[in-house]
Structure formats: structure tokens, C-alpha cells
Amino acid sequence: RGSLLVDEQSAARFKPGDRVVVRHSYPIGHVRTPHYIRGCVGEIERICGSFRNPEELAYARADAPRVPLYRVRFAQNTVWPDYQGKIQDTVDIEIYQHWLEPA
């Protein structure tokens, strides 16, 4: 997708380069954020656009709001403390805005 629509840009709370932390919560039901990444600090790599909240769509709520989706980059050694790879190795995960807070 080449560029974001104006309304999607205004809804985005974060911009590339911002440091964020993934909420460390345990909601029940259909969740799109991996358990292992919760509580970790990363950096916004890009804004992917705004999409209907898949956690709401899973419960057939067709009127689910559009939520900004970000690609967040994490240092692998902060995600997995016993990681033996190179210090510059990263993992990128696409995460919806409602799971992110400023770091």
C-alpha cells in the first residue's frame, strides 16, 4: 500500500521511530498479539494502515472500528533473554494500536 489516507494518518498515535511497549495483559478470547511479545519494548518501523479490529471481527461484530496497525521492531535479545544470535538481530511483528503504549 503506497500511502495512508488522511483520516488513517490522524488516527495513528505513533510514528516510525517511536519507542513503544506492548501491553502486558491477558484478555480471554481471540487475541492477535503474541503472548511472548507482551511487556517488550520495541520501535515503530512503519504504519501499515488502518483495518477493522480483528479481535472484534472474530466475534462477528461487523461494525468493528478501524484501528491503526503498526510493524514494530524488537531486538531479539530483549524478547528472548537467552538468545545467542547477533546483538543486531531483530524480529518484526505487526501489532494493532490498542496493544501499544509509549515506552
N, C-alpha and C. Protein backbone atom coordinates (compact mmCIF):
# COMPACT_ATOMS: atom_id res chain seq x y z
N ARG A 1 0.84 -1.16 0.00
CA ARG A 1 0.00 0.00 0.00
C ARG A 1 0.89 1.23 0.00
N GLY A 2 0.72 2.12 -0.94
CA GLY A 2 1.63 3.23 -1.14
C GLY A 2 1.56 4.31 -0.08
N SER A 3 0.39 4.85 0.20
CA SER A 3 0.30 5.92 1.19
C SER A 3 -0.97 5.76 2.00
N LEU A 4 -0.97 6.39 3.15
CA LEU A 4 -2.12 6.30 4.03
C LEU A 4 -3.12 7.40 3.70
N LEU A 5 -4.37 7.12 3.92
CA LEU A 5 -5.40 8.15 3.78
C LEU A 5 -5.26 9.14 4.91
N VAL A 6 -5.74 10.37 4.70
CA VAL A 6 -5.61 11.41 5.72
C VAL A 6 -6.25 11.00 7.03
N ASP A 7 -7.44 10.39 7.00
CA ASP A 7 -8.10 10.00 8.25
C ASP A 7 -7.33 8.91 8.96
N GLU A 8 -6.64 8.03 8.23
CA GLU A 8 -5.83 7.00 8.86
C GLU A 8 -4.61 7.60 9.52
N GLN A 9 -4.01 8.61 8.90
CA GLN A 9 -2.85 9.26 9.48
C GLN A 9 -3.21 9.96 10.78
N SER A 10 -4.36 10.63 10.81
CA SER A 10 -4.75 11.36 12.02
C SER A 10 -5.09 10.40 13.16
N ALA A 11 -5.51 9.19 12.83
CA ALA A 11 -5.87 8.23 13.88
C ALA A 11 -4.64 7.55 14.45
N ALA A 12 -3.52 7.59 13.74
CA ALA A 12 -2.31 6.93 14.20
C ALA A 12 -1.70 7.70 15.37
N ARG A 13 -1.53 7.03 16.48
CA ARG A 13 -0.99 7.63 17.70
C ARG A 13 0.54 7.67 17.68
N PHE A 14 1.16 6.78 16.91
CA PHE A 14 2.61 6.66 16.88
C PHE A 14 3.12 6.88 15.46
N LYS A 15 4.40 7.18 15.35
CA LYS A 15 5.04 7.36 14.04
C LYS A 15 6.31 6.53 14.00
N PRO A 16 6.83 6.25 12.81
CA PRO A 16 8.08 5.49 12.72
C PRO A 16 9.18 6.11 13.59
N GLY A 17 9.89 5.23 14.29
CA GLY A 17 10.95 5.67 15.19
C GLY A 17 10.52 5.79 16.63
N ASP A 18 9.20 5.87 16.90
CA ASP A 18 8.71 5.95 18.28
C ASP A 18 8.97 4.64 19.01
N ARG A 19 9.39 4.74 20.27
CA ARG A 19 9.57 3.55 21.11
C ARG A 19 8.23 3.27 21.81
N VAL A 20 7.83 2.01 21.78
CA VAL A 20 6.56 1.60 22.37
C VAL A 20 6.77 0.35 23.21
N VAL A 21 5.83 0.12 24.12
CA VAL A 21 5.81 -1.12 24.90
C VAL A 21 4.48 -1.81 24.61
N VAL A 22 4.54 -3.11 24.47
CA VAL A 22 3.33 -3.90 24.22
C VAL A 22 2.64 -4.14 25.56
N ARG A 23 1.36 -3.85 25.61
CA ARG A 23 0.60 -4.05 26.85
C ARG A 23 0.80 -5.47 27.36
N HIS A 24 0.94 -5.58 28.65
CA HIS A 24 1.15 -6.88 29.30
C HIS A 24 -0.15 -7.29 29.98
N SER A 25 -1.12 -7.69 29.16
CA SER A 25 -2.40 -8.09 29.72
C SER A 25 -2.79 -9.45 29.16
N TYR A 26 -3.74 -10.07 29.77
CA TYR A 26 -4.14 -11.42 29.41
C TYR A 26 -5.64 -11.49 29.15
N PRO A 27 -6.13 -10.81 28.11
CA PRO A 27 -7.57 -10.92 27.85
C PRO A 27 -7.91 -12.33 27.36
N ILE A 28 -9.10 -12.73 27.66
CA ILE A 28 -9.56 -14.03 27.16
C ILE A 28 -10.07 -13.85 25.74
N GLY A 29 -10.23 -14.94 25.03
CA GLY A 29 -10.82 -14.89 23.71
C GLY A 29 -9.79 -14.78 22.59
N HIS A 30 -10.26 -14.31 21.46
CA HIS A 30 -9.44 -14.21 20.26
C HIS A 30 -8.52 -13.00 20.34
N VAL A 31 -7.23 -13.22 20.39
CA VAL A 31 -6.26 -12.13 20.54
C VAL A 31 -5.23 -12.24 19.42
N ARG A 32 -4.86 -11.10 18.82
CA ARG A 32 -3.93 -11.08 17.69
C ARG A 32 -2.50 -10.70 18.07
N THR A 33 -2.22 -10.54 19.35
CA THR A 33 -0.89 -10.16 19.79
C THR A 33 -0.23 -11.34 20.49
N PRO A 34 0.94 -11.78 19.99
CA PRO A 34 1.59 -12.96 20.58
C PRO A 34 1.89 -12.76 22.07
N HIS A 35 1.69 -13.80 22.83
CA HIS A 35 1.93 -13.75 24.27
C HIS A 35 3.39 -13.41 24.58
N TYR A 36 4.32 -13.97 23.82
CA TYR A 36 5.75 -13.79 24.12
C TYR A 36 6.24 -12.36 23.93
N ILE A 37 5.48 -11.52 23.22
CA ILE A 37 5.94 -10.16 22.95
C ILE A 37 5.34 -9.15 23.95
N ARG A 38 4.37 -9.58 24.74
CA ARG A 38 3.73 -8.67 25.69
C ARG A 38 4.72 -8.23 26.76
N GLY A 39 4.73 -6.93 27.03
CA GLY A 39 5.65 -6.36 28.00
C GLY A 39 6.99 -5.95 27.41
N CYS A 40 7.23 -6.28 26.14
CA CYS A 40 8.51 -5.94 25.49
C CYS A 40 8.47 -4.54 24.89
N VAL A 41 9.63 -3.92 24.82
CA VAL A 41 9.78 -2.59 24.23
C VAL A 41 10.34 -2.74 22.83
N GLY A 42 9.75 -2.02 21.88
CA GLY A 42 10.21 -2.04 20.50
C GLY A 42 10.12 -0.66 19.89
N GLU A 43 10.37 -0.60 18.60
CA GLU A 43 10.34 0.66 17.87
C GLU A 43 9.41 0.53 16.67
N ILE A 44 8.58 1.55 16.46
CA ILE A 44 7.69 1.54 15.30
C ILE A 44 8.55 1.58 14.05
N GLU A 45 8.40 0.58 13.20
CA GLU A 45 9.14 0.52 11.94
C GLU A 45 8.33 1.20 10.84
N ARG A 46 7.01 0.98 10.86
CA ARG A 46 6.13 1.63 9.88
C ARG A 46 4.68 1.54 10.32
N ILE A 47 3.86 2.39 9.74
CA ILE A 47 2.40 2.32 9.90
C ILE A 47 1.89 1.55 8.69
N CYS A 48 1.18 0.47 8.93
CA CYS A 48 0.71 -0.39 7.85
C CYS A 48 -0.65 0.03 7.29
N GLY A 49 -1.35 0.91 8.00
CA GLY A 49 -2.68 1.34 7.59
C GLY A 49 -3.65 1.13 8.73
N SER A 50 -4.93 1.34 8.46
CA SER A 50 -5.97 1.11 9.46
C SER A 50 -6.93 0.05 8.94
N PHE A 51 -7.28 -0.87 9.82
CA PHE A 51 -8.12 -2.00 9.44
C PHE A 51 -9.13 -2.26 10.54
N ARG A 52 -10.21 -2.93 10.19
CA ARG A 52 -11.20 -3.31 11.20
C ARG A 52 -10.51 -4.18 12.25
N ASN A 53 -10.85 -3.95 13.51
CA ASN A 53 -10.23 -4.66 14.62
C ASN A 53 -10.55 -6.16 14.51
N PRO A 54 -9.54 -7.00 14.22
CA PRO A 54 -9.80 -8.43 14.03
C PRO A 54 -10.27 -9.12 15.30
N GLU A 55 -9.94 -8.56 16.46
CA GLU A 55 -10.39 -9.16 17.72
C GLU A 55 -11.91 -9.00 17.86
N GLU A 56 -12.46 -7.93 17.30
CA GLU A 56 -13.91 -7.73 17.30
C GLU A 56 -14.57 -8.53 16.17
N LEU A 57 -13.92 -8.54 15.01
CA LEU A 57 -14.48 -9.28 13.87
C LEU A 57 -14.60 -10.77 14.17
N ALA A 58 -13.72 -11.31 15.01
CA ALA A 58 -13.76 -12.73 15.37
C ALA A 58 -15.06 -13.09 16.08
N TYR A 59 -15.70 -12.08 16.66
CA TYR A 59 -16.98 -12.30 17.35
C TYR A 59 -18.15 -11.80 16.51
N ALA A 60 -17.93 -11.70 15.19
CA ALA A 60 -18.96 -11.33 14.22
C ALA A 60 -19.51 -9.92 14.47
N ARG A 61 -18.68 -9.05 15.00
CA ARG A 61 -19.07 -7.64 15.18
C ARG A 61 -18.63 -6.88 13.94
N ALA A 62 -19.48 -6.90 12.92
CA ALA A 62 -19.14 -6.33 11.61
C ALA A 62 -18.89 -4.83 11.67
N ASP A 63 -19.37 -4.17 12.71
CA ASP A 63 -19.17 -2.72 12.83
C ASP A 63 -17.91 -2.39 13.62
N ALA A 64 -16.99 -3.33 13.70
CA ALA A 64 -15.75 -3.12 14.44
C ALA A 64 -15.05 -1.86 13.92
N PRO A 65 -14.49 -1.07 14.83
CA PRO A 65 -13.81 0.15 14.40
C PRO A 65 -12.52 -0.15 13.65
N ARG A 66 -12.11 0.80 12.82
CA ARG A 66 -10.81 0.69 12.15
C ARG A 66 -9.74 1.10 13.15
N VAL A 67 -8.67 0.32 13.20
CA VAL A 67 -7.60 0.54 14.17
C VAL A 67 -6.27 0.58 13.41
N PRO A 68 -5.40 1.55 13.71
CA PRO A 68 -4.08 1.55 13.06
C PRO A 68 -3.29 0.29 13.39
N LEU A 69 -2.60 -0.22 12.38
CA LEU A 69 -1.75 -1.39 12.52
C LEU A 69 -0.31 -0.93 12.26
N TYR A 70 0.59 -1.33 13.14
CA TYR A 70 1.99 -0.94 13.04
C TYR A 70 2.87 -2.17 12.88
N ARG A 71 3.99 -2.00 12.18
CA ARG A 71 5.04 -3.01 12.23
C ARG A 71 6.03 -2.52 13.28
N VAL A 72 6.22 -3.32 14.33
CA VAL A 72 7.08 -2.96 15.45
C VAL A 72 8.31 -3.86 15.42
N ARG A 73 9.48 -3.25 15.56
CA ARG A 73 10.74 -3.99 15.52
C ARG A 73 11.28 -4.14 16.94
N PHE A 74 11.64 -5.37 17.29
CA PHE A 74 12.18 -5.70 18.61
C PHE A 74 13.55 -6.32 18.46
N ALA A 75 14.47 -5.97 19.35
CA ALA A 75 15.76 -6.66 19.41
C ALA A 75 15.49 -8.07 19.94
N GLN A 76 15.97 -9.08 19.25
CA GLN A 76 15.67 -10.45 19.66
C GLN A 76 16.18 -10.76 21.07
N ASN A 77 17.31 -10.16 21.46
CA ASN A 77 17.84 -10.46 22.80
C ASN A 77 17.01 -9.81 23.91
N THR A 78 16.10 -8.89 23.58
CA THR A 78 15.19 -8.37 24.60
C THR A 78 13.90 -9.19 24.66
N VAL A 79 13.58 -9.85 23.56
CA VAL A 79 12.40 -10.72 23.54
C VAL A 79 12.71 -12.05 24.20
N TRP A 80 13.88 -12.61 23.87
CA TRP A 80 14.32 -13.89 24.40
C TRP A 80 15.66 -13.66 25.10
N PRO A 81 15.68 -13.48 26.42
CA PRO A 81 16.93 -13.15 27.13
C PRO A 81 18.07 -14.14 26.91
N ASP A 82 17.78 -15.39 26.59
CA ASP A 82 18.85 -16.36 26.37
C ASP A 82 19.22 -16.48 24.88
N TYR A 83 18.80 -15.52 24.07
CA TYR A 83 19.10 -15.53 22.64
C TYR A 83 20.60 -15.48 22.41
N GLN A 84 21.12 -16.37 21.58
CA GLN A 84 22.56 -16.50 21.36
C GLN A 84 23.02 -15.90 20.03
N GLY A 85 22.10 -15.30 19.28
CA GLY A 85 22.47 -14.75 17.98
C GLY A 85 23.14 -13.39 18.09
N LYS A 86 23.30 -12.75 16.96
CA LYS A 86 23.94 -11.44 16.91
C LYS A 86 23.11 -10.39 17.63
N ILE A 87 23.77 -9.44 18.26
CA ILE A 87 23.08 -8.41 19.04
C ILE A 87 22.17 -7.56 18.16
N GLN A 88 22.48 -7.43 16.87
CA GLN A 88 21.68 -6.59 15.98
C GLN A 88 20.49 -7.35 15.37
N ASP A 89 20.30 -8.63 15.68
CA ASP A 89 19.18 -9.40 15.15
C ASP A 89 17.87 -8.86 15.71
N THR A 90 16.87 -8.77 14.84
CA THR A 90 15.57 -8.24 15.25
C THR A 90 14.45 -9.17 14.80
N VAL A 91 13.29 -8.94 15.37
CA VAL A 91 12.06 -9.60 14.95
C VAL A 91 11.02 -8.49 14.77
N ASP A 92 10.31 -8.51 13.65
CA ASP A 92 9.27 -7.52 13.37
C ASP A 92 7.91 -8.19 13.50
N ILE A 93 7.01 -7.51 14.20
CA ILE A 93 5.67 -8.06 14.44
C ILE A 93 4.66 -6.96 14.16
N GLU A 94 3.59 -7.29 13.47
CA GLU A 94 2.52 -6.32 13.22
C GLU A 94 1.54 -6.36 14.38
N ILE A 95 1.34 -5.18 14.98
CA ILE A 95 0.55 -5.08 16.21
C ILE A 95 -0.42 -3.90 16.09
N TYR A 96 -1.64 -4.12 16.51
CA TYR A 96 -2.66 -3.06 16.46
C TYR A 96 -2.43 -2.05 17.60
N GLN A 97 -2.85 -0.82 17.33
CA GLN A 97 -2.59 0.31 18.22
C GLN A 97 -3.07 0.10 19.66
N HIS A 98 -4.21 -0.55 19.84
CA HIS A 98 -4.75 -0.67 21.19
C HIS A 98 -3.89 -1.58 22.09
N TRP A 99 -2.90 -2.24 21.52
CA TRP A 99 -1.97 -3.06 22.31
C TRP A 99 -0.69 -2.30 22.67
N LEU A 100 -0.54 -1.08 22.18
CA LEU A 100 0.72 -0.35 22.34
C LEU A 100 0.56 0.87 23.26
N GLU A 101 1.63 1.15 24.00
CA GLU A 101 1.70 2.33 24.85
C GLU A 101 3.07 2.96 24.63
N PRO A 102 3.21 4.28 24.89
CA PRO A 102 4.53 4.89 24.77
C PRO A 102 5.51 4.24 25.74
N ALA A 103 6.75 4.06 25.30
CA ALA A 103 7.77 3.45 26.18
C ALA A 103 8.43 4.53 27.04
